[in-house]
Amino acid sequence: MFHNIDGRKIYVVDFDTMPELPITGVGEEAIYAEALTAAIQNKDIVEPGKYGIHIESFDRKVYNIFKIVE
C-alpha cells in the first residue's frame, strides 16, 4: 500500500512471518519487491513487522527501509 509521507512516496508492507524469497511484484510494485528482497538478504530486515520502503533512485535501485512502530 502506498502512502505519501512528507512528500515522499512510501510503500508500506506488514508481515507476520518472514516471507519466502524472492519477493515479486507486478508493474510499479516490482521495484519495491526487489528492494524488500534486497533488504532481507542484506539483513536490513531481520524480523517480521511493518516497514516502509522509499526508493531514492529508480535507475540505481537505491532505497531506504523504515521500521514502523505503532
Protein backbone atom coordinates (compact mmCIF):
# COMPACT_ATOMS: atom_id res chain seq x y z
CA MET A 1 0.00 0.00 0.00
CA PHE A 2 1.38 3.42 -0.96
CA HIS A 3 1.43 6.35 1.46
CA ASN A 4 2.56 9.93 0.96
CA ILE A 5 4.71 10.91 3.94
CA ASP A 6 6.40 14.33 3.96
CA GLY A 7 6.02 14.47 0.18
CA ARG A 8 7.69 11.08 -0.32
CA LYS A 9 6.04 8.07 -1.88
CA ILE A 10 6.40 5.25 0.67
CA TYR A 11 5.32 1.66 0.06
CA VAL A 12 4.22 0.06 3.33
CA VAL A 13 4.32 -3.69 3.97
CA ASP A 14 3.29 -5.63 7.05
CA PHE A 15 4.07 -9.30 7.53
CA ASP A 16 3.63 -11.73 10.45
CA THR A 17 6.30 -14.18 9.29
CA MET A 18 9.38 -13.64 7.17
CA PRO A 19 8.39 -14.02 3.51
CA GLU A 20 9.99 -16.52 1.14
CA LEU A 21 12.49 -15.02 -1.26
CA PRO A 22 12.50 -13.68 -3.85
CA ILE A 23 9.52 -11.39 -3.36
CA THR A 24 7.90 -10.45 -6.65
CA GLY A 25 5.63 -7.66 -7.78
CA VAL A 26 3.90 -6.50 -10.93
CA GLY A 27 4.22 -3.10 -12.58
CA GLU A 28 5.18 -0.28 -10.26
CA GLU A 29 5.32 -2.63 -7.27
CA ALA A 30 8.12 -4.71 -8.85
CA ILE A 31 10.95 -2.35 -7.79
CA TYR A 32 9.58 -2.23 -4.24
CA ALA A 33 9.53 -6.04 -4.20
CA GLU A 34 13.17 -6.03 -5.36
CA ALA A 35 14.10 -3.54 -2.62
CA LEU A 36 12.31 -5.62 0.02
CA THR A 37 14.08 -8.79 -1.17
CA ALA A 38 17.45 -6.99 -1.06
CA ALA A 39 16.73 -5.59 2.43
CA ILE A 40 16.04 -9.08 3.76
CA GLN A 41 19.08 -10.58 2.02
CA ASN A 42 21.31 -7.76 3.33
CA LYS A 43 19.93 -8.23 6.86
CA ASP A 44 18.41 -4.73 6.95
CA ILE A 45 15.18 -6.56 7.84
CA VAL A 46 15.66 -9.50 10.20
CA GLU A 47 12.23 -9.89 11.77
CA PRO A 48 8.57 -9.71 10.75
CA GLY A 49 6.83 -6.38 11.22
CA LYS A 50 5.66 -3.27 9.45
CA TYR A 51 8.12 -1.50 7.15
CA GLY A 52 8.17 1.46 4.80
CA ILE A 53 10.17 1.37 1.58
CA HIS A 54 11.24 4.57 -0.15
CA ILE A 55 13.05 4.43 -3.48
CA GLU A 56 15.66 7.21 -3.69
CA SER A 57 16.76 6.36 -7.24
CA PHE A 58 14.87 4.03 -9.56
CA ASP A 59 17.80 3.96 -12.02
CA ARG A 60 20.43 2.97 -9.47
CA LYS A 61 17.99 1.00 -7.27
CA VAL A 62 18.85 3.00 -4.16
CA TYR A 63 16.29 2.56 -1.41
CA ASN A 64 15.60 3.32 2.25
CA ILE A 65 13.85 0.94 4.64
CA PHE A 66 12.00 2.21 7.71
CA LYS A 67 10.65 0.07 10.53
CA ILE A 68 7.22 1.38 11.51
CA VAL A 69 6.41 1.11 15.22
CA GLU A 70 2.86 1.95 16.18
